[in-house]
Amino acid sequence: MFYNLSDKELEALKIIRNSIVHQGRIPSVRELMIGLGYKSPRSSAVILNSLEEKEILRKKSDGTYQIVDFEIPEYFGSRAQTVKIPLIGSVACGMPIFADENIEAEVSISIEMIKSGYKYFLLKAEGDSMNEAGINNGDLLLIRQQPDANNGDRVLALIDDEATVKEYNKNGGMVILKPKSTNKLHQPIILTSNFRIQGIVEEVISL
């Protein structure tokens, strides 16, 4: 389906898409107002109403909006094929890995690499503990945030406030995080439940 969208409507959809990726929700009228550079929330409300009339957005019973089909490419044409994903730097002990203080930059990633309904961030790989799994020092890892994993997934785990990327394997009440490396100094980490999964490595981007 083709949508005849104004430049401001396209800009609003980019802001909406970024908010869904980063916050897991559509921005409020005031947040959209700020993003569009308007001085009045009425102006952004008019944009939302127009997108609703064009059946791109749908208003829910609580007054908030939902996007009808997040992945229709005609929304954006050739002007918006990417979404900005935060690049996470070093992680201080005790600080959540995706805290604002850890964000070094934002990187534009193709929207085709992003699944609707999930939050994402990028992390720069360090070391050689996963080089046999296609992850080398300096690679960018596209991480899909989620608290669980399946056996064989490459996970980002937080152990004793330190982040590590390993292959996830669960057997009964035991979890083994396995390195996949040509360097035999790297050994498996054996755990019960004293760690947190931060996300799954969805893509490896070699620079």
N, C-alpha and C. Protein backbone atom coordinates (compact mmCIF):
# COMPACT_ATOMS: atom_id res chain seq x y z
N MET A 1 0.85 -1.20 0.00
CA MET A 1 0.00 0.00 0.00
C MET A 1 0.88 1.24 0.00
N PHE A 2 0.51 2.27 -0.77
CA PHE A 2 1.29 3.50 -0.84
C PHE A 2 0.64 4.56 0.05
N TYR A 3 1.47 5.25 0.81
CA TYR A 3 0.98 6.31 1.69
C TYR A 3 1.56 7.64 1.21
N ASN A 4 0.70 8.62 1.00
CA ASN A 4 1.13 9.95 0.60
C ASN A 4 1.45 10.74 1.86
N LEU A 5 2.71 10.71 2.27
CA LEU A 5 3.11 11.30 3.54
C LEU A 5 3.90 12.58 3.32
N SER A 6 3.65 13.54 4.20
CA SER A 6 4.43 14.78 4.18
C SER A 6 5.80 14.51 4.82
N ASP A 7 6.70 15.49 4.64
CA ASP A 7 8.03 15.36 5.24
C ASP A 7 7.93 15.25 6.76
N LYS A 8 7.03 16.03 7.37
CA LYS A 8 6.88 15.99 8.82
C LYS A 8 6.31 14.65 9.28
N GLU A 9 5.42 14.07 8.50
CA GLU A 9 4.87 12.75 8.86
C GLU A 9 5.95 11.68 8.77
N LEU A 10 6.80 11.77 7.73
CA LEU A 10 7.92 10.83 7.62
C LEU A 10 8.89 11.00 8.80
N GLU A 11 9.16 12.26 9.16
CA GLU A 11 10.05 12.52 10.29
C GLU A 11 9.44 11.98 11.59
N ALA A 12 8.13 12.17 11.75
CA ALA A 12 7.45 11.65 12.94
C ALA A 12 7.54 10.13 13.00
N LEU A 13 7.41 9.47 11.85
CA LEU A 13 7.49 8.00 11.83
C LEU A 13 8.88 7.51 12.18
N LYS A 14 9.91 8.25 11.77
CA LYS A 14 11.27 7.89 12.16
C LYS A 14 11.42 7.98 13.68
N ILE A 15 10.89 9.06 14.27
CA ILE A 15 10.96 9.22 15.73
C ILE A 15 10.19 8.10 16.41
N ILE A 16 9.01 7.77 15.89
CA ILE A 16 8.19 6.69 16.46
C ILE A 16 8.94 5.36 16.38
N ARG A 17 9.53 5.09 15.21
CA ARG A 17 10.26 3.84 15.03
C ARG A 17 11.44 3.73 16.00
N ASN A 18 12.20 4.83 16.14
CA ASN A 18 13.34 4.82 17.06
C ASN A 18 12.87 4.60 18.50
N SER A 19 11.75 5.21 18.86
CA SER A 19 11.22 5.05 20.22
C SER A 19 10.80 3.60 20.47
N ILE A 20 10.20 2.97 19.46
CA ILE A 20 9.80 1.57 19.62
C ILE A 20 11.02 0.70 19.83
N VAL A 21 12.09 0.96 19.07
CA VAL A 21 13.32 0.15 19.19
C VAL A 21 13.98 0.38 20.54
N HIS A 22 14.09 1.65 20.96
CA HIS A 22 14.86 1.96 22.17
C HIS A 22 14.04 1.90 23.46
N GLN A 23 12.77 2.29 23.39
CA GLN A 23 11.95 2.36 24.59
C GLN A 23 10.86 1.29 24.64
N GLY A 24 10.63 0.62 23.53
CA GLY A 24 9.59 -0.39 23.48
C GLY A 24 8.18 0.18 23.42
N ARG A 25 8.05 1.46 23.02
CA ARG A 25 6.74 2.10 22.99
C ARG A 25 6.76 3.27 22.02
N ILE A 26 5.56 3.73 21.64
CA ILE A 26 5.42 4.93 20.82
C ILE A 26 5.58 6.15 21.72
N PRO A 27 6.25 7.20 21.26
CA PRO A 27 6.46 8.37 22.12
C PRO A 27 5.15 9.08 22.45
N SER A 28 5.16 9.79 23.56
CA SER A 28 4.00 10.59 23.95
C SER A 28 3.89 11.80 23.01
N VAL A 29 2.76 12.48 23.08
CA VAL A 29 2.56 13.68 22.26
C VAL A 29 3.65 14.71 22.56
N ARG A 30 3.98 14.88 23.83
CA ARG A 30 5.01 15.87 24.20
C ARG A 30 6.39 15.44 23.72
N GLU A 31 6.71 14.15 23.84
CA GLU A 31 8.00 13.66 23.35
C GLU A 31 8.12 13.85 21.84
N LEU A 32 7.02 13.60 21.13
CA LEU A 32 7.03 13.81 19.68
C LEU A 32 7.16 15.29 19.35
N MET A 33 6.53 16.12 20.14
CA MET A 33 6.64 17.57 19.96
C MET A 33 8.10 18.01 20.02
N ILE A 34 8.81 17.51 21.03
CA ILE A 34 10.22 17.87 21.21
C ILE A 34 11.05 17.35 20.04
N GLY A 35 10.79 16.09 19.66
CA GLY A 35 11.55 15.49 18.57
C GLY A 35 11.35 16.20 17.24
N LEU A 36 10.16 16.72 17.01
CA LEU A 36 9.85 17.41 15.75
C LEU A 36 10.21 18.90 15.80
N GLY A 37 10.60 19.38 16.97
CA GLY A 37 10.97 20.79 17.09
C GLY A 37 9.79 21.74 17.17
N TYR A 38 8.63 21.22 17.54
CA TYR A 38 7.45 22.07 17.70
C TYR A 38 7.46 22.73 19.07
N LYS A 39 6.70 23.83 19.19
CA LYS A 39 6.59 24.54 20.46
C LYS A 39 5.28 24.22 21.18
N SER A 40 4.36 23.57 20.46
CA SER A 40 3.06 23.24 21.04
C SER A 40 2.75 21.76 20.83
N PRO A 41 2.23 21.08 21.88
CA PRO A 41 1.86 19.67 21.70
C PRO A 41 0.72 19.49 20.71
N ARG A 42 -0.05 20.54 20.46
CA ARG A 42 -1.16 20.44 19.51
C ARG A 42 -0.63 20.08 18.11
N SER A 43 0.52 20.64 17.75
CA SER A 43 1.07 20.38 16.41
C SER A 43 1.44 18.91 16.23
N SER A 44 2.03 18.32 17.27
CA SER A 44 2.37 16.89 17.16
C SER A 44 1.12 16.04 17.24
N ALA A 45 0.09 16.49 17.97
CA ALA A 45 -1.17 15.75 18.03
C ALA A 45 -1.84 15.72 16.66
N VAL A 46 -1.72 16.82 15.90
CA VAL A 46 -2.27 16.87 14.55
C VAL A 46 -1.58 15.83 13.66
N ILE A 47 -0.26 15.70 13.81
CA ILE A 47 0.49 14.70 13.03
C ILE A 47 0.01 13.29 13.38
N LEU A 48 -0.15 13.01 14.66
CA LEU A 48 -0.61 11.69 15.09
C LEU A 48 -2.01 11.40 14.55
N ASN A 49 -2.88 12.40 14.59
CA ASN A 49 -4.24 12.21 14.07
C ASN A 49 -4.21 11.93 12.57
N SER A 50 -3.32 12.61 11.86
CA SER A 50 -3.22 12.39 10.42
C SER A 50 -2.73 10.97 10.12
N LEU A 51 -1.75 10.48 10.89
CA LEU A 51 -1.25 9.12 10.70
C LEU A 51 -2.31 8.09 11.05
N GLU A 52 -3.17 8.45 12.01
CA GLU A 52 -4.29 7.56 12.34
C GLU A 52 -5.30 7.52 11.19
N GLU A 53 -5.59 8.67 10.60
CA GLU A 53 -6.54 8.73 9.49
C GLU A 53 -6.02 7.93 8.28
N LYS A 54 -4.70 7.89 8.12
CA LYS A 54 -4.11 7.14 7.01
C LYS A 54 -3.90 5.67 7.36
N GLU A 55 -4.39 5.28 8.54
CA GLU A 55 -4.37 3.89 9.02
C GLU A 55 -2.95 3.35 9.17
N ILE A 56 -2.03 4.26 9.53
CA ILE A 56 -0.67 3.85 9.88
C ILE A 56 -0.58 3.63 11.38
N LEU A 57 -1.29 4.49 12.13
CA LEU A 57 -1.39 4.33 13.58
C LEU A 57 -2.84 3.99 13.93
N ARG A 58 -2.99 3.36 15.10
CA ARG A 58 -4.33 3.06 15.63
C ARG A 58 -4.35 3.51 17.09
N LYS A 59 -5.39 4.25 17.47
CA LYS A 59 -5.51 4.71 18.85
C LYS A 59 -6.15 3.60 19.69
N LYS A 60 -5.51 3.31 20.82
CA LYS A 60 -6.00 2.27 21.73
C LYS A 60 -7.01 2.86 22.72
N SER A 61 -7.64 2.00 23.47
CA SER A 61 -8.68 2.43 24.40
C SER A 61 -8.15 3.36 25.48
N ASP A 62 -6.85 3.26 25.81
CA ASP A 62 -6.27 4.12 26.85
C ASP A 62 -5.79 5.47 26.31
N GLY A 63 -6.03 5.71 25.00
CA GLY A 63 -5.65 6.99 24.42
C GLY A 63 -4.28 7.00 23.78
N THR A 64 -3.46 5.97 24.03
CA THR A 64 -2.15 5.87 23.40
C THR A 64 -2.31 5.24 22.01
N TYR A 65 -1.22 5.31 21.23
CA TYR A 65 -1.27 4.79 19.86
C TYR A 65 -0.45 3.51 19.73
N GLN A 66 -0.80 2.73 18.73
CA GLN A 66 0.04 1.61 18.33
C GLN A 66 0.21 1.69 16.83
N ILE A 67 1.36 1.23 16.33
CA ILE A 67 1.61 1.25 14.90
C ILE A 67 0.97 0.02 14.30
N VAL A 68 0.30 0.19 13.18
CA VAL A 68 -0.47 -0.91 12.59
C VAL A 68 0.46 -1.98 12.04
N ASP A 69 1.47 -1.57 11.29
CA ASP A 69 2.43 -2.54 10.74
C ASP A 69 3.80 -1.90 10.73
N PHE A 70 4.62 -2.27 11.72
CA PHE A 70 5.92 -1.64 11.94
C PHE A 70 6.86 -1.82 10.75
N GLU A 71 6.67 -2.86 9.94
CA GLU A 71 7.67 -3.22 8.95
C GLU A 71 7.26 -2.91 7.51
N ILE A 72 6.23 -2.07 7.31
CA ILE A 72 5.89 -1.68 5.95
C ILE A 72 6.92 -0.68 5.44
N PRO A 73 7.72 -1.02 4.43
CA PRO A 73 8.80 -0.12 4.01
C PRO A 73 8.30 1.15 3.34
N GLU A 74 7.07 1.15 2.77
CA GLU A 74 6.57 2.32 2.08
C GLU A 74 6.38 3.51 3.02
N TYR A 75 6.36 3.26 4.33
CA TYR A 75 6.27 4.38 5.27
C TYR A 75 7.40 5.38 5.05
N PHE A 76 8.56 4.86 4.71
CA PHE A 76 9.77 5.65 4.82
C PHE A 76 10.44 5.95 3.48
N GLY A 77 10.08 5.22 2.43
CA GLY A 77 10.71 5.45 1.14
C GLY A 77 12.21 5.29 1.24
N SER A 78 12.94 6.07 0.45
CA SER A 78 14.39 5.95 0.45
C SER A 78 15.02 6.84 1.50
N ARG A 79 14.20 7.58 2.24
CA ARG A 79 14.75 8.57 3.19
C ARG A 79 14.96 8.01 4.58
N ALA A 80 14.48 6.81 4.84
CA ALA A 80 14.60 6.30 6.21
C ALA A 80 14.71 4.78 6.19
N GLN A 81 15.86 4.30 5.75
CA GLN A 81 16.10 2.86 5.70
C GLN A 81 16.86 2.36 6.92
N THR A 82 17.18 3.28 7.83
CA THR A 82 17.99 2.90 8.98
C THR A 82 17.35 3.37 10.28
N VAL A 83 17.82 2.78 11.37
CA VAL A 83 17.42 3.20 12.70
C VAL A 83 18.69 3.36 13.52
N LYS A 84 18.73 4.35 14.41
CA LYS A 84 19.94 4.59 15.21
C LYS A 84 19.93 3.69 16.44
N ILE A 85 21.04 2.95 16.61
CA ILE A 85 21.20 2.02 17.72
C ILE A 85 22.35 2.51 18.59
N PRO A 86 22.18 2.56 19.92
CA PRO A 86 23.27 3.03 20.79
C PRO A 86 24.45 2.07 20.82
N LEU A 87 25.65 2.62 20.75
CA LEU A 87 26.88 1.85 20.89
C LEU A 87 27.35 1.96 22.33
N ILE A 88 27.43 0.82 23.00
CA ILE A 88 27.79 0.78 24.42
C ILE A 88 29.30 0.68 24.57
N GLY A 89 29.84 1.50 25.45
CA GLY A 89 31.27 1.46 25.71
C GLY A 89 31.59 0.63 26.93
N SER A 90 32.56 1.07 27.69
CA SER A 90 32.97 0.32 28.87
C SER A 90 31.86 0.35 29.92
N VAL A 91 31.81 -0.71 30.72
CA VAL A 91 30.74 -0.86 31.71
C VAL A 91 31.34 -0.78 33.11
N ALA A 92 30.91 0.20 33.89
CA ALA A 92 31.40 0.34 35.25
C ALA A 92 30.76 -0.71 36.16
N CYS A 93 31.49 -1.17 37.16
CA CYS A 93 30.96 -2.18 38.08
C CYS A 93 29.69 -1.66 38.76
N GLY A 94 28.68 -2.48 38.79
CA GLY A 94 27.44 -2.14 39.45
C GLY A 94 26.49 -1.31 38.61
N MET A 95 26.91 -0.92 37.41
CA MET A 95 26.07 -0.07 36.57
C MET A 95 25.40 -0.93 35.49
N PRO A 96 24.12 -0.74 35.25
CA PRO A 96 23.47 -1.48 34.17
C PRO A 96 24.19 -1.27 32.85
N ILE A 97 24.30 -2.31 32.07
CA ILE A 97 25.13 -2.24 30.87
C ILE A 97 24.60 -1.23 29.86
N PHE A 98 23.27 -1.02 29.82
CA PHE A 98 22.74 -0.04 28.88
C PHE A 98 22.34 1.26 29.55
N ALA A 99 23.02 1.62 30.62
CA ALA A 99 22.80 2.93 31.24
C ALA A 99 23.29 4.03 30.30
N ASP A 100 22.68 5.24 30.44
CA ASP A 100 23.05 6.35 29.57
C ASP A 100 24.55 6.64 29.62
N GLU A 101 25.14 6.46 30.79
CA GLU A 101 26.56 6.77 30.97
C GLU A 101 27.46 5.88 30.12
N ASN A 102 26.93 4.75 29.68
CA ASN A 102 27.75 3.82 28.90
C ASN A 102 27.65 4.03 27.39
N ILE A 103 26.74 4.90 26.95
CA ILE A 103 26.52 5.08 25.52
C ILE A 103 27.60 6.01 24.94
N GLU A 104 28.37 5.46 24.00
CA GLU A 104 29.46 6.23 23.39
C GLU A 104 29.00 6.97 22.14
N ALA A 105 28.09 6.36 21.39
CA ALA A 105 27.65 6.96 20.13
C ALA A 105 26.37 6.26 19.69
N GLU A 106 25.82 6.72 18.58
CA GLU A 106 24.69 6.04 17.95
C GLU A 106 25.10 5.66 16.54
N VAL A 107 24.77 4.44 16.14
CA VAL A 107 25.16 3.92 14.83
C VAL A 107 23.90 3.61 14.04
N SER A 108 23.88 4.01 12.77
CA SER A 108 22.73 3.73 11.91
C SER A 108 22.79 2.29 11.41
N ILE A 109 21.71 1.55 11.66
CA ILE A 109 21.61 0.14 11.28
C ILE A 109 20.38 -0.02 10.38
N SER A 110 20.51 -0.86 9.36
CA SER A 110 19.38 -1.11 8.47
C SER A 110 18.17 -1.59 9.26
N ILE A 111 17.00 -1.05 8.93
CA ILE A 111 15.78 -1.46 9.61
C ILE A 111 15.48 -2.93 9.38
N GLU A 112 16.01 -3.50 8.28
CA GLU A 112 15.77 -4.91 7.99
C GLU A 112 16.47 -5.83 8.99
N MET A 113 17.44 -5.31 9.75
CA MET A 113 18.15 -6.10 10.74
C MET A 113 17.45 -6.09 12.11
N ILE A 114 16.38 -5.29 12.21
CA ILE A 114 15.71 -5.08 13.49
C ILE A 114 14.35 -5.76 13.49
N LYS A 115 14.03 -6.47 14.56
CA LYS A 115 12.73 -7.10 14.70
C LYS A 115 11.83 -6.22 15.55
N SER A 116 10.61 -6.08 15.12
CA SER A 116 9.65 -5.25 15.85
C SER A 116 9.41 -5.78 17.25
N GLY A 117 9.32 -4.85 18.22
CA GLY A 117 8.98 -5.23 19.58
C GLY A 117 10.17 -5.50 20.48
N TYR A 118 11.39 -5.39 19.95
CA TYR A 118 12.58 -5.64 20.77
C TYR A 118 13.42 -4.37 20.87
N LYS A 119 14.19 -4.28 21.94
CA LYS A 119 15.18 -3.22 22.10
C LYS A 119 16.54 -3.77 21.71
N TYR A 120 17.38 -2.90 21.14
CA TYR A 120 18.70 -3.32 20.67
C TYR A 120 19.77 -2.35 21.14
N PHE A 121 21.00 -2.85 21.21
CA PHE A 121 22.16 -1.98 21.36
C PHE A 121 23.36 -2.66 20.71
N LEU A 122 24.42 -1.90 20.50
CA LEU A 122 25.65 -2.41 19.91
C LEU A 122 26.73 -2.45 20.97
N LEU A 123 27.58 -3.45 20.87
CA LEU A 123 28.69 -3.61 21.81
C LEU A 123 29.93 -3.96 21.00
N LYS A 124 31.06 -3.37 21.33
CA LYS A 124 32.30 -3.69 20.63
C LYS A 124 32.97 -4.87 21.33
N ALA A 125 33.24 -5.92 20.55
CA ALA A 125 33.86 -7.13 21.10
C ALA A 125 35.32 -6.87 21.46
N GLU A 126 35.74 -7.50 22.55
CA GLU A 126 37.14 -7.41 22.98
C GLU A 126 37.68 -8.82 23.20
N GLY A 127 38.90 -9.06 22.76
CA GLY A 127 39.55 -10.34 23.00
C GLY A 127 39.23 -11.39 21.94
N ASP A 128 39.68 -12.62 22.22
CA ASP A 128 39.56 -13.70 21.23
C ASP A 128 38.82 -14.92 21.77
N SER A 129 38.02 -14.73 22.83
CA SER A 129 37.38 -15.88 23.46
C SER A 129 36.27 -16.50 22.62
N MET A 130 35.83 -15.79 21.55
CA MET A 130 34.75 -16.32 20.71
C MET A 130 35.13 -16.29 19.23
N ASN A 131 36.44 -16.33 18.92
CA ASN A 131 36.83 -16.19 17.52
C ASN A 131 36.41 -17.38 16.65
N GLU A 132 36.22 -18.55 17.26
CA GLU A 132 35.74 -19.69 16.48
C GLU A 132 34.23 -19.63 16.24
N ALA A 133 33.55 -18.69 16.88
CA ALA A 133 32.11 -18.47 16.67
C ALA A 133 31.88 -17.24 15.79
N GLY A 134 32.95 -16.79 15.14
CA GLY A 134 32.80 -15.66 14.21
C GLY A 134 32.86 -14.30 14.85
N ILE A 135 33.28 -14.22 16.13
CA ILE A 135 33.37 -12.93 16.83
C ILE A 135 34.84 -12.64 17.10
N ASN A 136 35.35 -11.59 16.47
CA ASN A 136 36.76 -11.24 16.62
C ASN A 136 36.91 -9.89 17.31
N ASN A 137 38.11 -9.65 17.82
CA ASN A 137 38.40 -8.41 18.53
C ASN A 137 38.07 -7.20 17.64
N GLY A 138 37.28 -6.29 18.17
CA GLY A 138 36.92 -5.08 17.44
C GLY A 138 35.62 -5.16 16.67
N ASP A 139 35.05 -6.35 16.54
CA ASP A 139 33.76 -6.48 15.85
C ASP A 139 32.67 -5.76 16.63
N LEU A 140 31.65 -5.30 15.90
CA LEU A 140 30.46 -4.76 16.55
C LEU A 140 29.43 -5.87 16.66
N LEU A 141 28.84 -6.00 17.84
CA LEU A 141 27.82 -7.02 18.08
C LEU A 141 26.47 -6.33 18.23
N LEU A 142 25.52 -6.74 17.41
CA LEU A 142 24.15 -6.24 17.53
C LEU A 142 23.43 -7.13 18.54
N ILE A 143 23.12 -6.57 19.70
CA ILE A 143 22.53 -7.33 20.81
C ILE A 143 21.04 -7.04 20.90
N ARG A 144 20.24 -8.10 20.90
CA ARG A 144 18.80 -7.98 21.15
C ARG A 144 18.57 -8.20 22.64
N GLN A 145 18.04 -7.21 23.32
CA GLN A 145 17.86 -7.30 24.77
C GLN A 145 16.79 -8.32 25.10
N GLN A 146 17.15 -9.29 25.95
CA GLN A 146 16.19 -10.23 26.51
C GLN A 146 16.85 -10.97 27.66
N PRO A 147 16.08 -11.45 28.63
CA PRO A 147 16.66 -12.03 29.84
C PRO A 147 16.87 -13.54 29.78
N ASP A 148 16.55 -14.17 28.66
CA ASP A 148 16.69 -15.62 28.58
C ASP A 148 17.31 -16.02 27.25
N ALA A 149 17.65 -17.32 27.13
CA ALA A 149 18.34 -17.80 25.93
C ALA A 149 18.08 -19.28 25.75
N ASN A 150 18.37 -19.76 24.55
CA ASN A 150 18.31 -21.18 24.24
C ASN A 150 19.72 -21.73 24.12
N ASN A 151 19.87 -23.03 24.32
CA ASN A 151 21.18 -23.66 24.19
C ASN A 151 21.77 -23.36 22.80
N GLY A 152 23.02 -22.99 22.81
CA GLY A 152 23.71 -22.68 21.56
C GLY A 152 23.71 -21.21 21.21
N ASP A 153 22.85 -20.40 21.88
CA ASP A 153 22.84 -18.96 21.62
C ASP A 153 24.14 -18.32 22.09
N ARG A 154 24.57 -17.32 21.37
CA ARG A 154 25.69 -16.48 21.83
C ARG A 154 25.09 -15.37 22.68
N VAL A 155 25.38 -15.38 23.97
CA VAL A 155 24.72 -14.46 24.88
C VAL A 155 25.71 -13.44 25.44
N LEU A 156 25.16 -12.30 25.80
CA LEU A 156 25.88 -11.32 26.60
C LEU A 156 25.40 -11.49 28.03
N ALA A 157 26.30 -11.92 28.90
CA ALA A 157 25.94 -12.18 30.29
C ALA A 157 26.68 -11.23 31.21
N LEU A 158 26.05 -10.93 32.34
CA LEU A 158 26.67 -10.08 33.36
C LEU A 158 26.97 -10.95 34.57
N ILE A 159 28.27 -11.12 34.85
CA ILE A 159 28.71 -11.98 35.95
C ILE A 159 29.60 -11.15 36.86
N ASP A 160 29.20 -11.05 38.12
CA ASP A 160 29.96 -10.24 39.08
C ASP A 160 30.22 -8.84 38.53
N ASP A 161 29.18 -8.26 37.91
CA ASP A 161 29.23 -6.92 37.35
C ASP A 161 30.19 -6.78 36.18
N GLU A 162 30.59 -7.90 35.57
CA GLU A 162 31.42 -7.84 34.36
C GLU A 162 30.67 -8.49 33.21
N ALA A 163 30.73 -7.86 32.04
CA ALA A 163 30.03 -8.38 30.87
C ALA A 163 30.93 -9.34 30.11
N THR A 164 30.33 -10.42 29.61
CA THR A 164 31.07 -11.38 28.81
C THR A 164 30.15 -11.97 27.74
N VAL A 165 30.72 -12.29 26.59
CA VAL A 165 29.97 -12.95 25.51
C VAL A 165 30.47 -14.39 25.41
N LYS A 166 29.54 -15.33 25.53
CA LYS A 166 29.87 -16.76 25.48
C LYS A 166 28.71 -17.53 24.87
N GLU A 167 28.94 -18.80 24.59
CA GLU A 167 27.87 -19.67 24.12
C GLU A 167 27.12 -20.23 25.33
N TYR A 168 25.79 -20.12 25.27
CA TYR A 168 24.94 -20.51 26.40
C TYR A 168 24.55 -21.98 26.30
N ASN A 169 24.73 -22.70 27.41
CA ASN A 169 24.31 -24.10 27.49
C ASN A 169 23.75 -24.36 28.89
N LYS A 170 22.52 -24.85 28.95
CA LYS A 170 21.90 -25.16 30.23
C LYS A 170 21.61 -26.65 30.32
N ASN A 171 21.99 -27.23 31.44
CA ASN A 171 21.76 -28.66 31.68
C ASN A 171 21.23 -28.82 33.09
N GLY A 172 19.90 -29.02 33.21
CA GLY A 172 19.30 -29.11 34.54
C GLY A 172 19.39 -27.76 35.23
N GLY A 173 19.93 -27.75 36.44
CA GLY A 173 20.07 -26.51 37.19
C GLY A 173 21.40 -25.83 36.97
N MET A 174 22.19 -26.34 36.04
CA MET A 174 23.52 -25.80 35.80
C MET A 174 23.57 -25.10 34.45
N VAL A 175 24.26 -23.96 34.43
CA VAL A 175 24.49 -23.22 33.19
C VAL A 175 25.98 -23.17 32.91
N ILE A 176 26.35 -23.50 31.69
CA ILE A 176 27.74 -23.43 31.27
C ILE A 176 27.86 -22.41 30.16
N LEU A 177 28.68 -21.41 30.37
CA LEU A 177 28.98 -20.42 29.34
C LEU A 177 30.31 -20.80 28.71
N LYS A 178 30.25 -21.23 27.46
CA LYS A 178 31.42 -21.81 26.80
C LYS A 178 32.11 -20.80 25.89
N PRO A 179 33.43 -20.68 26.01
CA PRO A 179 34.16 -19.93 25.00
C PRO A 179 34.27 -20.77 23.73
N LYS A 180 34.42 -20.13 22.60
CA LYS A 180 34.65 -20.84 21.34
C LYS A 180 35.88 -20.19 20.71
N SER A 181 37.05 -20.69 21.13
CA SER A 181 38.27 -19.97 20.82
C SER A 181 39.42 -20.91 20.45
N THR A 182 40.30 -20.39 19.60
CA THR A 182 41.54 -21.11 19.29
C THR A 182 42.54 -20.96 20.44
N ASN A 183 42.28 -20.01 21.33
CA ASN A 183 43.14 -19.77 22.48
C ASN A 183 42.64 -20.63 23.65
N LYS A 184 43.36 -21.67 23.97
CA LYS A 184 42.90 -22.63 24.98
C LYS A 184 43.02 -22.11 26.41
N LEU A 185 43.52 -20.89 26.56
CA LEU A 185 43.52 -20.28 27.89
C LEU A 185 42.10 -19.95 28.35
N HIS A 186 41.19 -19.78 27.41
CA HIS A 186 39.81 -19.47 27.75
C HIS A 186 39.08 -20.75 28.15
N GLN A 187 38.49 -20.75 29.33
CA GLN A 187 37.83 -21.92 29.87
C GLN A 187 36.34 -21.63 30.12
N PRO A 188 35.51 -22.68 30.15
CA PRO A 188 34.08 -22.48 30.42
C PRO A 188 33.83 -21.84 31.79
N ILE A 189 32.72 -21.13 31.89
CA ILE A 189 32.26 -20.56 33.15
C ILE A 189 31.04 -21.37 33.58
N ILE A 190 31.11 -21.97 34.76
CA ILE A 190 30.03 -22.84 35.24
C ILE A 190 29.25 -22.11 36.33
N LEU A 191 27.95 -22.00 36.15
CA LEU A 191 27.11 -21.18 37.02
C LEU A 191 25.84 -21.91 37.40
N THR A 192 25.16 -21.37 38.40
CA THR A 192 23.80 -21.83 38.70
C THR A 192 22.83 -20.71 38.29
N SER A 193 22.60 -19.78 39.16
CA SER A 193 21.69 -18.69 38.81
C SER A 193 22.23 -17.32 39.20
N ASN A 194 23.49 -17.25 39.55
CA ASN A 194 24.07 -16.00 40.05
C ASN A 194 24.63 -15.14 38.90
N PHE A 195 23.84 -14.99 37.85
CA PHE A 195 24.25 -14.13 36.75
C PHE A 195 22.99 -13.69 36.01
N ARG A 196 23.15 -12.71 35.12
CA ARG A 196 22.03 -12.20 34.35
C ARG A 196 22.37 -12.21 32.87
N ILE A 197 21.44 -12.68 32.06
CA ILE A 197 21.58 -12.56 30.61
C ILE A 197 21.08 -11.17 30.22
N GLN A 198 21.92 -10.44 29.49
CA GLN A 198 21.57 -9.11 29.04
C GLN A 198 20.96 -9.12 27.64
N GLY A 199 21.29 -10.15 26.86
CA GLY A 199 20.75 -10.20 25.51
C GLY A 199 21.42 -11.28 24.67
N ILE A 200 20.96 -11.36 23.43
CA ILE A 200 21.45 -12.35 22.48
C ILE A 200 22.19 -11.63 21.36
N VAL A 201 23.32 -12.19 20.94
CA VAL A 201 24.05 -11.65 19.80
C VAL A 201 23.29 -12.03 18.54
N GLU A 202 22.68 -11.03 17.89
CA GLU A 202 21.87 -11.30 16.70
C GLU A 202 22.67 -11.16 15.42
N GLU A 203 23.63 -10.21 15.40
CA GLU A 203 24.47 -10.03 14.22
C GLU A 203 25.87 -9.66 14.67
N VAL A 204 26.86 -10.13 13.90
CA VAL A 204 28.25 -9.72 14.09
C VAL A 204 28.66 -8.88 12.90
N ILE A 205 29.11 -7.67 13.18
CA ILE A 205 29.48 -6.72 12.11
C ILE A 205 30.98 -6.50 12.16
N SER A 206 31.70 -7.04 11.19
CA SER A 206 33.14 -6.91 11.12
C SER A 206 33.50 -5.61 10.42
N LEU A 207 34.31 -4.80 11.06
CA LEU A 207 34.67 -3.50 10.51
C LEU A 207 36.05 -3.55 9.86
